[in-house]
Amino acid sequence: MQPTARRRMLAAALAAALAWTLFQIAIPAHAQQSVNVARSATASASYTSSWESVAAVNDGIEPPGSNDTQNPRWGTWPQTGSQWVQLTWATPVTVSSSDLYFFDDSFNSGPGGVRVPASWRIEYLTNGAWTAVSGASAYGVNANAYNHTNFNAVTTTALRAVLQSGTASVGVLEWRVWGQGSATQAGNPIVRNIYTADPATLVVGDTMYVYSGRDEAASNQQAFVMDEWHVFSSKAPDNDPAAWTSHGAKLSLSTFAWAGANAWASEVVQGPDGRYYWFVSVDGSTDNGWMNIGVAVSNSPLGPFVDAIGGPLISDSTPNSSALNIDPTVFIDDDGQIYLYWGSYWQPRMAKLNQDMTSLAGPVTTPQGLTDFWEAPWMFERNGTYYMAYASNGGSGCVTDSAYACIRYATASNPAGPWTHRGVVLGQVTSTTNHPAIEQFNGQWWMVYHTADAPGGGNFRRSVAIDPLYFNADGTMQQVVQTRGA
């Protein structure tokens, strides 16, 4: 068997396995009509142990079990008796069910200082007073599982779970509350009328652009349906949707005569000739390939864009190509040298480009030092240091399930590496996939990514979000705090 055919078979098999893994992820039936509004609330509590965090109760991290020793959690040790944890919204929400996952450290030979409560109830704030919800189904006290409760719908700005301790202190790992937020709520995601994914950023003058794919899967469809790329812009970037202007679809699969499907991740870069080059991941229809990287070009960041080559820049036939040729990121160094990184299935790749932006200037190489790399590289430079952010689905401090991904980053003194892993800059999000774009605008750095936080969202109906990114004095990046609105 020829190497190219072997890579194609490997890529197809791995893609099928990934699709099956995503299909297997259970989505609660009630989530099809509502959204987890807990993600947009501010958490507080009657008491929090100094080494615990009440913000953990709605951080979106799925618990691996009640004795979760890896992720933040809320606990009240050594306090006992009646304790409460509260979610507060800036504007009213209407809610009718919840899922509560208790912290219990007695499992796996834990100390047992925190256990499931003897009993509990949900209260809501109405006219300045706390009132128990009516029509509540059983308040379960199970460990290692969500305890689901239905109740008559209430509209409120605050919800409280009151826990009565039993043999020990109490705690909560995650609290999901299902309902609908007020239409006046601001904040992520930044696009609400369509589902968007795989963001990329570009700054031109006084404007920041976000380029994204569009998720078009039906609510019950467990597959990526993506045929076009959209553009959004802002002169004052923020996670409020009102800060962004939609310019619609500016590129589609029909732009590339050789493309067959899958308008996946992309990036736009201004080339040495002043024109704008849109590097895209597409499934080729004429070369029997799995995924390829194509290039479109325009005189404007808003198009119109045309196919710059007439065929793929990177394909399965490219020597030493990745098992899955997706997620291009392009970086132009101060000396004019152009670098292209891409790849998936634990196989990052790098090649230098010629000044025409559409041809390789050397062989495809395998970059070193990108620890636990999975896909979605994004490269930039700051104060003489080169940074590479990328999606990872394993390793310390990353995810609770390998079907999800965090964003790690590495640094180097040379755009070609070798790279030194520095840590996690964006934790697990609500969608299984995770995709970074990092940009500076008017002195502020931003992390742009996608989640499943929009109403009706999911693993195949994602939405672009943006939050501030901060650096420490030594150049390392602080982990981004994810914010959520409606």
Protein backbone atom coordinates (compact mmCIF):
# COMPACT_ATOMS: atom_id res chain seq x y z
CA MET A 1 0.00 0.00 0.00
CA GLN A 2 1.32 3.46 -0.93
CA PRO A 3 1.98 5.94 1.92
CA THR A 4 -0.65 8.37 0.62
CA ALA A 5 -3.32 5.69 0.52
CA ARG A 6 -2.33 4.54 4.00
CA ARG A 7 -2.68 8.09 5.35
CA ARG A 8 -6.06 8.43 3.65
CA MET A 9 -7.29 5.22 5.23
CA LEU A 10 -5.98 6.34 8.65
CA ALA A 11 -7.63 9.73 8.35
CA ALA A 12 -10.96 8.21 7.33
CA ALA A 13 -10.86 5.74 10.20
CA LEU A 14 -9.97 8.40 12.75
CA ALA A 15 -12.65 10.74 11.42
CA ALA A 16 -15.25 8.00 11.69
CA ALA A 17 -14.16 7.30 15.27
CA LEU A 18 -14.38 10.99 16.16
CA ALA A 19 -17.85 11.29 14.61
CA TRP A 20 -19.04 8.24 16.57
CA THR A 21 -17.62 9.64 19.82
CA LEU A 22 -19.48 12.90 19.28
CA PHE A 23 -22.68 11.03 18.42
CA GLN A 24 -22.43 9.08 21.67
CA ILE A 25 -22.42 12.21 23.83
CA ALA A 26 -25.83 12.40 25.47
CA ILE A 27 -27.74 15.66 25.24
CA PRO A 28 -30.53 15.97 27.83
CA ALA A 29 -33.96 16.10 26.22
CA HIS A 30 -34.83 19.30 28.09
CA ALA A 31 -31.76 21.01 26.58
CA GLN A 32 -33.34 20.81 23.12
CA GLN A 33 -35.93 23.44 24.08
CA SER A 34 -33.95 25.44 26.65
CA VAL A 35 -30.45 26.50 27.58
CA ASN A 36 -28.33 26.14 30.71
CA VAL A 37 -28.83 29.68 32.02
CA ALA A 38 -26.66 28.93 35.05
CA ARG A 39 -23.67 29.70 32.83
CA SER A 40 -24.68 33.39 32.69
CA ALA A 41 -25.20 33.76 36.45
CA THR A 42 -22.92 34.92 39.25
CA ALA A 43 -22.49 32.33 42.00
CA SER A 44 -22.40 33.02 45.75
CA ALA A 45 -22.76 30.91 48.88
CA SER A 46 -23.41 30.93 52.61
CA TYR A 47 -19.85 29.73 53.23
CA THR A 48 -16.94 28.55 51.06
CA SER A 49 -13.82 26.77 52.30
CA SER A 50 -10.76 28.93 51.69
CA TRP A 51 -9.25 26.41 49.24
CA GLU A 52 -12.50 25.89 47.30
CA SER A 53 -14.31 28.14 44.78
CA VAL A 54 -18.00 28.93 44.60
CA ALA A 55 -17.50 29.99 40.96
CA ALA A 56 -16.97 26.31 40.20
CA VAL A 57 -20.67 25.51 40.52
CA ASN A 58 -21.48 26.99 37.08
CA ASP A 59 -18.13 26.86 35.26
CA GLY A 60 -19.40 24.27 32.77
CA ILE A 61 -16.81 21.62 33.67
CA GLU A 62 -18.44 18.20 33.65
CA PRO A 63 -17.54 16.30 36.86
CA PRO A 64 -15.78 12.94 36.39
CA GLY A 65 -17.24 11.85 39.74
CA SER A 66 -18.31 13.31 43.06
CA ASN A 67 -14.75 13.17 44.43
CA ASP A 68 -13.27 15.38 41.71
CA THR A 69 -9.70 16.16 42.76
CA GLN A 70 -8.67 17.84 39.50
CA ASN A 71 -11.16 20.66 38.95
CA PRO A 72 -12.42 23.59 41.04
CA ARG A 73 -15.31 22.79 43.40
CA TRP A 74 -17.49 24.38 46.09
CA GLY A 75 -17.44 22.95 49.59
CA THR A 76 -18.29 24.15 53.11
CA TRP A 77 -15.94 22.10 55.31
CA PRO A 78 -15.85 22.36 58.31
CA GLN A 79 -19.23 24.12 58.40
CA THR A 80 -22.36 21.98 58.71
CA GLY A 81 -26.07 22.59 59.21
CA SER A 82 -28.09 24.48 56.60
CA GLN A 83 -25.90 25.85 53.79
CA TRP A 84 -26.87 27.43 50.49
CA VAL A 85 -25.40 28.13 47.06
CA GLN A 86 -26.97 30.84 44.92
CA LEU A 87 -27.08 31.88 41.26
CA THR A 88 -27.87 35.54 40.47
CA TRP A 89 -28.66 36.97 37.03
CA ALA A 90 -28.39 40.60 35.90
CA THR A 91 -31.82 40.38 34.26
CA PRO A 92 -34.73 37.96 34.76
CA VAL A 93 -34.66 34.36 33.56
CA THR A 94 -37.50 31.86 33.32
CA VAL A 95 -36.51 28.42 34.60
CA SER A 96 -38.27 25.10 35.18
CA SER A 97 -35.68 22.40 35.92
CA SER A 98 -32.16 21.87 37.20
CA ASP A 99 -29.37 19.32 37.56
CA LEU A 100 -27.23 19.34 40.71
CA TYR A 101 -24.00 17.32 41.01
CA PHE A 102 -22.90 16.96 44.63
CA PHE A 103 -19.35 17.06 45.93
CA ASP A 104 -18.63 13.96 48.07
CA ASP A 105 -14.99 13.22 48.88
CA SER A 106 -15.66 9.87 50.57
CA PHE A 107 -15.12 7.99 47.32
CA ASN A 108 -11.76 6.51 46.29
CA SER A 109 -10.57 6.47 49.92
CA GLY A 110 -11.18 10.18 50.36
CA PRO A 111 -11.40 11.78 53.81
CA GLY A 112 -15.20 12.02 53.80
CA GLY A 113 -15.32 15.54 55.24
CA VAL A 114 -17.80 16.53 52.53
CA ARG A 115 -20.76 14.26 51.76
CA VAL A 116 -24.06 14.43 49.90
CA PRO A 117 -26.69 16.35 51.90
CA ALA A 118 -29.37 14.71 53.97
CA SER A 119 -31.94 16.81 52.09
CA TRP A 120 -32.18 19.94 49.97
CA ARG A 121 -34.59 22.22 48.13
CA ILE A 122 -34.63 24.95 45.48
CA GLU A 123 -35.84 28.45 46.29
CA TYR A 124 -36.32 31.48 44.04
CA LEU A 125 -36.28 35.21 44.77
CA THR A 126 -39.65 36.92 44.40
CA ASN A 127 -40.59 40.37 45.71
CA GLY A 128 -37.42 40.42 47.77
CA ALA A 129 -38.17 37.14 49.57
CA TRP A 130 -37.02 33.55 49.13
CA THR A 131 -39.79 31.06 48.27
CA ALA A 132 -39.54 27.33 47.60
CA VAL A 133 -40.37 26.39 44.00
CA SER A 134 -43.68 24.56 43.63
CA GLY A 135 -44.38 21.25 41.93
CA ALA A 136 -40.82 20.05 42.44
CA SER A 137 -40.07 16.45 41.58
CA ALA A 138 -37.87 14.33 43.85
CA TYR A 139 -34.81 16.04 45.29
CA GLY A 140 -32.30 13.22 44.79
CA VAL A 141 -29.17 12.88 46.90
CA ASN A 142 -27.13 10.62 44.65
CA ALA A 143 -23.36 10.79 44.35
CA ASN A 144 -21.47 10.43 41.05
CA ALA A 145 -24.50 11.65 39.07
CA TYR A 146 -26.63 14.68 38.36
CA ASN A 147 -29.76 14.93 40.49
CA HIS A 148 -32.47 16.23 38.15
CA THR A 149 -35.46 18.18 39.46
CA ASN A 150 -38.44 19.53 37.51
CA PHE A 151 -40.59 22.29 38.97
CA ASN A 152 -43.24 24.79 37.92
CA ALA A 153 -41.68 27.55 35.83
CA VAL A 154 -40.66 30.72 37.66
CA THR A 155 -39.29 34.03 36.41
CA THR A 156 -36.65 35.40 38.75
CA THR A 157 -33.22 37.03 39.06
CA ALA A 158 -31.89 34.55 41.63
CA LEU A 159 -32.14 30.86 42.47
CA ARG A 160 -30.86 29.16 45.61
CA ALA A 161 -30.19 25.52 46.50
CA VAL A 162 -30.51 25.09 50.27
CA LEU A 163 -28.60 22.00 51.46
CA GLN A 164 -29.09 20.41 54.87
CA SER A 165 -25.93 18.58 55.91
CA GLY A 166 -26.09 15.02 57.14
CA THR A 167 -22.98 13.25 58.43
CA ALA A 168 -20.54 15.88 57.14
CA SER A 169 -20.21 19.22 55.35
CA VAL A 170 -21.78 19.71 51.91
CA GLY A 171 -20.65 20.89 48.50
CA VAL A 172 -21.51 21.12 44.79
CA LEU A 173 -19.39 20.44 41.71
CA GLU A 174 -21.80 21.67 39.02
CA TRP A 175 -25.30 23.17 38.91
CA ARG A 176 -27.17 23.36 35.61
CA VAL A 177 -30.42 25.33 35.46
CA TRP A 178 -32.59 24.94 32.37
CA GLY A 179 -34.71 27.75 30.99
CA GLN A 180 -34.61 30.90 28.91
CA GLY A 181 -32.78 34.14 29.60
CA SER A 182 -34.08 37.64 29.06
CA ALA A 183 -33.62 38.92 25.53
CA THR A 184 -32.03 42.04 27.01
CA GLN A 185 -29.07 40.13 28.43
CA ALA A 186 -25.76 41.10 26.88
CA GLY A 187 -22.61 39.03 26.61
CA ASN A 188 -21.37 35.94 24.82
CA PRO A 189 -22.01 34.51 22.33
CA ILE A 190 -21.47 37.49 20.06
CA VAL A 191 -23.65 36.12 17.23
CA ARG A 192 -27.22 35.01 17.98
CA ASN A 193 -29.07 34.75 14.65
CA ILE A 194 -26.94 31.91 13.24
CA TYR A 195 -24.54 29.34 14.68
CA THR A 196 -20.86 30.13 14.10
CA ALA A 197 -17.63 28.21 14.74
CA ASP A 198 -13.86 28.07 14.25
CA PRO A 199 -13.18 31.82 14.57
CA ALA A 200 -10.18 33.64 13.14
CA THR A 201 -9.27 37.29 13.65
CA LEU A 202 -7.66 40.09 11.66
CA VAL A 203 -7.06 43.75 12.52
CA VAL A 204 -7.00 46.29 9.69
CA GLY A 205 -6.68 49.91 10.77
CA ASP A 206 -9.38 50.75 13.29
CA THR A 207 -11.39 47.57 12.70
CA MET A 208 -11.18 44.06 14.06
CA TYR A 209 -12.62 41.30 11.87
CA VAL A 210 -13.80 37.85 12.92
CA TYR A 211 -14.03 35.20 10.22
CA SER A 212 -15.98 32.05 11.06
CA GLY A 213 -17.58 28.99 9.62
CA ARG A 214 -21.34 28.54 9.90
CA ASP A 215 -22.93 25.53 11.60
CA GLU A 216 -26.15 24.59 9.80
CA ALA A 217 -26.93 21.22 11.39
CA ALA A 218 -30.53 20.63 12.45
CA SER A 219 -31.21 20.43 16.20
CA ASN A 220 -31.28 16.62 16.10
CA GLN A 221 -28.48 16.19 13.56
CA GLN A 222 -25.23 14.74 14.92
CA ALA A 223 -22.86 15.89 12.17
CA PHE A 224 -21.02 18.98 10.99
CA VAL A 225 -22.99 20.74 8.22
CA MET A 226 -20.83 23.64 7.03
CA ASP A 227 -20.92 25.17 3.55
CA GLU A 228 -19.83 28.80 3.98
CA TRP A 229 -17.74 31.28 5.95
CA HIS A 230 -19.04 34.54 7.46
CA VAL A 231 -17.41 37.85 8.44
CA PHE A 232 -18.14 40.10 11.43
CA SER A 233 -16.43 43.37 12.36
CA SER A 234 -16.15 45.80 15.25
CA LYS A 235 -14.40 49.09 15.96
CA ALA A 236 -14.78 48.46 19.72
CA PRO A 237 -14.51 44.68 20.31
CA ASP A 238 -16.52 43.35 23.24
CA ASN A 239 -18.51 40.24 24.14
CA ASP A 240 -21.76 42.19 23.73
CA PRO A 241 -23.41 41.17 20.41
CA ALA A 242 -24.30 44.83 19.82
CA ALA A 243 -20.59 45.57 19.34
CA TRP A 244 -20.44 43.48 16.16
CA THR A 245 -21.63 44.07 12.59
CA SER A 246 -22.46 41.08 10.42
CA HIS A 247 -21.33 41.21 6.80
CA GLY A 248 -22.87 37.87 5.87
CA ALA A 249 -21.29 34.99 3.97
CA LYS A 250 -18.19 36.17 2.11
CA LEU A 251 -16.82 32.79 1.04
CA SER A 252 -18.36 29.39 0.34
CA LEU A 253 -17.52 25.95 -1.00
CA SER A 254 -18.75 27.10 -4.41
CA THR A 255 -15.74 29.45 -4.59
CA PHE A 256 -13.53 26.37 -5.04
CA ALA A 257 -14.46 24.28 -8.06
CA TRP A 258 -12.47 21.39 -6.63
CA ALA A 259 -14.16 21.44 -3.19
CA GLY A 260 -16.84 18.95 -2.20
CA ALA A 261 -17.85 19.59 1.43
CA ASN A 262 -16.85 20.81 4.89
CA ALA A 263 -16.16 24.53 5.15
CA TRP A 264 -14.03 24.07 8.26
CA ALA A 265 -11.55 26.32 10.10
CA SER A 266 -9.79 29.14 8.30
CA GLU A 267 -7.65 32.27 8.70
CA VAL A 268 -7.26 35.51 6.74
CA VAL A 269 -3.83 37.18 6.43
CA GLN A 270 -2.76 40.30 4.54
CA GLY A 271 0.05 39.29 2.19
CA PRO A 272 3.18 41.18 1.14
CA ASP A 273 1.30 42.50 -1.92
CA GLY A 274 -1.36 44.10 0.28
CA ARG A 275 -4.07 41.66 -0.73
CA TYR A 276 -5.99 39.45 1.70
CA TYR A 277 -5.48 35.67 1.58
CA TRP A 278 -8.11 33.39 3.09
CA PHE A 279 -6.66 29.98 3.99
CA VAL A 280 -9.45 27.41 4.44
CA SER A 281 -9.98 23.74 5.34
CA VAL A 282 -12.12 21.95 2.73
CA ASP A 283 -12.88 18.43 1.61
CA GLY A 284 -11.69 17.97 -1.96
CA SER A 285 -13.97 16.31 -4.51
CA THR A 286 -11.51 15.82 -7.36
CA ASP A 287 -8.43 14.28 -5.72
CA ASN A 288 -9.98 11.54 -3.57
CA GLY A 289 -8.61 13.38 -0.56
CA TRP A 290 -10.06 13.64 2.93
CA MET A 291 -9.31 17.28 3.82
CA ASN A 292 -7.23 19.91 2.07
CA ILE A 293 -6.12 23.49 2.58
CA GLY A 294 -7.13 25.95 -0.11
CA VAL A 295 -6.49 29.68 -0.56
CA ALA A 296 -8.81 32.47 -1.73
CA VAL A 297 -7.70 36.06 -2.35
CA SER A 298 -9.28 39.53 -2.38
CA ASN A 299 -8.30 43.18 -2.50
CA SER A 300 -10.48 43.82 0.56
CA PRO A 301 -10.93 42.06 3.92
CA LEU A 302 -14.62 41.86 2.99
CA GLY A 303 -14.12 40.41 -0.46
CA PRO A 304 -15.12 39.45 -3.02
CA PHE A 305 -12.77 36.47 -2.72
CA VAL A 306 -11.75 34.16 -5.56
CA ASP A 307 -9.80 30.92 -5.63
CA ALA A 308 -6.12 31.94 -5.73
CA ILE A 309 -4.72 28.62 -6.98
CA GLY A 310 -7.41 26.53 -8.66
CA GLY A 311 -6.55 23.57 -6.45
CA PRO A 312 -5.40 22.77 -2.92
CA LEU A 313 -2.22 24.22 -1.42
CA ILE A 314 -1.95 21.23 0.95
CA SER A 315 -3.50 17.81 0.29
CA ASP A 316 -2.93 14.12 1.05
CA SER A 317 -0.45 14.02 -1.82
CA THR A 318 1.75 16.66 -0.14
CA PRO A 319 4.82 14.84 1.22
CA ASN A 320 4.71 14.50 5.04
CA SER A 321 1.21 16.01 5.23
CA SER A 322 -0.82 15.56 8.40
CA ALA A 323 -3.28 12.70 8.93
CA LEU A 324 -5.94 15.42 8.66
CA ASN A 325 -5.00 18.61 6.81
CA ILE A 326 -7.14 21.24 8.58
CA ASP A 327 -6.96 24.39 10.71
CA PRO A 328 -4.38 26.53 8.90
CA THR A 329 -2.70 29.41 10.73
CA VAL A 330 -0.35 31.74 8.84
CA PHE A 331 2.25 34.02 10.38
CA ILE A 332 4.47 36.59 8.61
CA ASP A 333 7.63 37.38 10.56
CA ASP A 334 9.34 40.78 10.66
CA ASP A 335 11.96 39.54 8.18
CA GLY A 336 9.19 38.75 5.68
CA GLN A 337 9.37 34.96 6.01
CA ILE A 338 5.92 33.37 5.94
CA TYR A 339 5.04 30.30 8.04
CA LEU A 340 2.06 27.97 7.66
CA TYR A 341 1.06 25.64 10.51
CA TRP A 342 -1.84 23.18 10.39
CA GLY A 343 -2.89 19.64 11.30
CA SER A 344 -4.98 17.36 13.48
CA TYR A 345 -5.03 13.86 15.00
CA TRP A 346 -1.94 14.67 17.09
CA GLN A 347 0.01 15.57 13.94
CA PRO A 348 1.00 19.25 13.68
CA ARG A 349 2.75 20.31 10.50
CA MET A 350 4.69 23.39 9.36
CA ALA A 351 5.95 24.72 6.04
CA LYS A 352 7.37 28.01 4.83
CA LEU A 353 5.49 29.87 2.09
CA ASN A 354 6.81 31.91 -0.79
CA GLN A 355 6.02 35.61 -1.06
CA ASP A 356 3.12 34.81 -3.39
CA MET A 357 1.32 33.23 -0.37
CA THR A 358 0.18 30.35 -2.57
CA SER A 359 3.17 28.02 -2.87
CA LEU A 360 5.52 26.20 -0.52
CA ALA A 361 9.04 27.54 -0.05
CA GLY A 362 10.39 24.31 1.42
CA PRO A 363 9.49 20.86 2.72
CA VAL A 364 6.72 20.09 5.19
CA THR A 365 8.20 19.51 8.64
CA THR A 366 6.91 18.26 11.98
CA PRO A 367 7.23 20.95 14.68
CA GLN A 368 8.64 19.86 18.02
CA GLY A 369 7.48 20.69 21.55
CA LEU A 370 3.70 21.11 21.05
CA THR A 371 2.81 18.90 24.01
CA ASP A 372 -0.53 17.03 23.78
CA PHE A 373 -1.35 18.71 20.45
CA TRP A 374 -4.70 17.71 18.92
CA GLU A 375 -5.62 20.41 16.35
CA ALA A 376 -6.47 24.11 15.79
CA PRO A 377 -3.07 25.88 15.99
CA TRP A 378 -2.98 29.69 16.20
CA MET A 379 0.32 31.57 16.00
CA PHE A 380 1.23 35.14 16.98
CA GLU A 381 4.16 37.18 18.32
CA ARG A 382 4.46 39.44 21.37
CA ASN A 383 7.55 41.31 22.59
CA GLY A 384 9.88 39.13 20.54
CA THR A 385 8.38 35.84 21.75
CA TYR A 386 6.43 33.57 19.44
CA TYR A 387 3.27 31.95 20.80
CA MET A 388 1.38 28.91 19.56
CA ALA A 389 -2.08 28.20 21.01
CA TYR A 390 -3.75 24.92 20.07
CA ALA A 391 -6.53 22.53 21.04
CA SER A 392 -5.61 19.60 23.28
CA ASN A 393 -7.78 16.79 24.59
CA GLY A 394 -5.47 15.31 27.19
CA GLY A 395 -2.86 15.99 29.83
CA SER A 396 -2.89 17.64 33.21
CA GLY A 397 -5.40 20.42 33.89
CA CYS A 398 -7.08 20.16 30.50
CA VAL A 399 -10.40 18.30 30.24
CA THR A 400 -12.62 15.93 32.16
CA ASP A 401 -13.36 13.80 29.07
CA SER A 402 -11.12 13.22 26.03
CA ALA A 403 -14.07 13.97 23.74
CA TYR A 404 -13.63 17.62 24.79
CA ALA A 405 -10.65 19.97 24.38
CA CYS A 406 -8.89 22.77 26.21
CA ILE A 407 -6.51 25.30 24.67
CA ARG A 408 -2.83 24.88 25.54
CA TYR A 409 -0.03 27.16 24.45
CA ALA A 410 3.70 27.02 23.83
CA THR A 411 6.40 29.62 23.19
CA ALA A 412 9.53 29.77 21.07
CA SER A 413 12.33 32.15 20.15
CA ASN A 414 11.99 31.19 16.48
CA PRO A 415 8.79 30.92 14.40
CA ALA A 416 9.83 27.42 13.35
CA GLY A 417 10.34 26.26 16.94
CA PRO A 418 11.31 24.20 18.82
CA TRP A 419 8.39 25.01 21.12
CA THR A 420 8.20 24.90 24.91
CA HIS A 421 4.86 24.00 26.44
CA ARG A 422 3.64 26.62 28.95
CA GLY A 423 0.20 25.44 30.08
CA VAL A 424 -3.54 25.87 29.54
CA VAL A 425 -4.84 29.32 28.50
CA LEU A 426 -8.51 28.39 27.90
CA GLY A 427 -10.28 25.61 29.74
CA GLN A 428 -12.87 23.17 28.50
CA VAL A 429 -15.89 24.83 26.88
CA THR A 430 -19.45 23.57 26.47
CA SER A 431 -18.89 22.20 22.96
CA THR A 432 -16.67 19.19 22.41
CA THR A 433 -14.44 21.09 19.99
CA ASN A 434 -12.40 24.11 21.05
CA HIS A 435 -10.76 26.57 18.66
CA PRO A 436 -8.68 29.68 19.53
CA ALA A 437 -7.89 32.95 17.83
CA ILE A 438 -5.80 35.48 19.75
CA GLU A 439 -5.62 39.13 18.71
CA GLN A 440 -4.49 42.51 20.06
CA PHE A 441 -6.63 45.59 19.43
CA ASN A 442 -5.89 49.04 20.86
CA GLY A 443 -3.60 47.57 23.51
CA GLN A 444 -6.06 44.90 24.70
CA TRP A 445 -5.51 41.23 23.91
CA TRP A 446 -8.53 39.03 23.17
CA MET A 447 -9.24 35.30 23.10
CA VAL A 448 -11.86 34.40 20.50
CA TYR A 449 -13.28 30.88 20.64
CA HIS A 450 -16.54 28.97 20.26
CA THR A 451 -18.96 27.29 22.66
CA ALA A 452 -22.38 25.60 22.62
CA ASP A 453 -23.89 28.36 24.79
CA ALA A 454 -26.43 29.88 22.39
CA PRO A 455 -30.06 28.78 22.81
CA GLY A 456 -30.49 25.51 20.94
CA GLY A 457 -26.73 25.16 20.66
CA GLY A 458 -24.74 21.96 20.77
CA ASN A 459 -21.63 20.19 19.53
CA PHE A 460 -22.69 20.79 15.92
CA ARG A 461 -24.44 24.15 16.53
CA ARG A 462 -21.67 26.26 18.03
CA SER A 463 -21.33 29.99 18.64
CA VAL A 464 -18.35 32.37 18.65
CA ALA A 465 -17.41 34.03 21.95
CA ILE A 466 -14.75 36.58 22.93
CA ASP A 467 -13.12 37.42 26.26
CA PRO A 468 -10.12 39.49 27.40
CA LEU A 469 -6.72 37.78 27.58
CA TYR A 470 -4.05 38.93 30.02
CA PHE A 471 -0.30 38.32 30.23
CA ASN A 472 1.85 38.03 33.33
CA ALA A 473 5.02 40.12 33.71
CA ASP A 474 7.14 37.15 32.57
CA GLY A 475 5.19 36.80 29.32
CA THR A 476 3.14 33.79 30.35
CA MET A 477 -0.59 33.94 29.71
CA GLN A 478 -3.26 33.92 32.37
CA GLN A 479 -6.08 31.45 31.88
CA VAL A 480 -9.04 33.19 30.24
CA VAL A 481 -12.17 33.66 32.34
CA GLN A 482 -15.13 32.62 30.21
CA THR A 483 -18.12 34.96 30.40
CA ARG A 484 -21.65 34.23 29.27
CA GLY A 485 -24.71 36.32 28.58
CA ALA A 486 -28.11 35.19 27.33
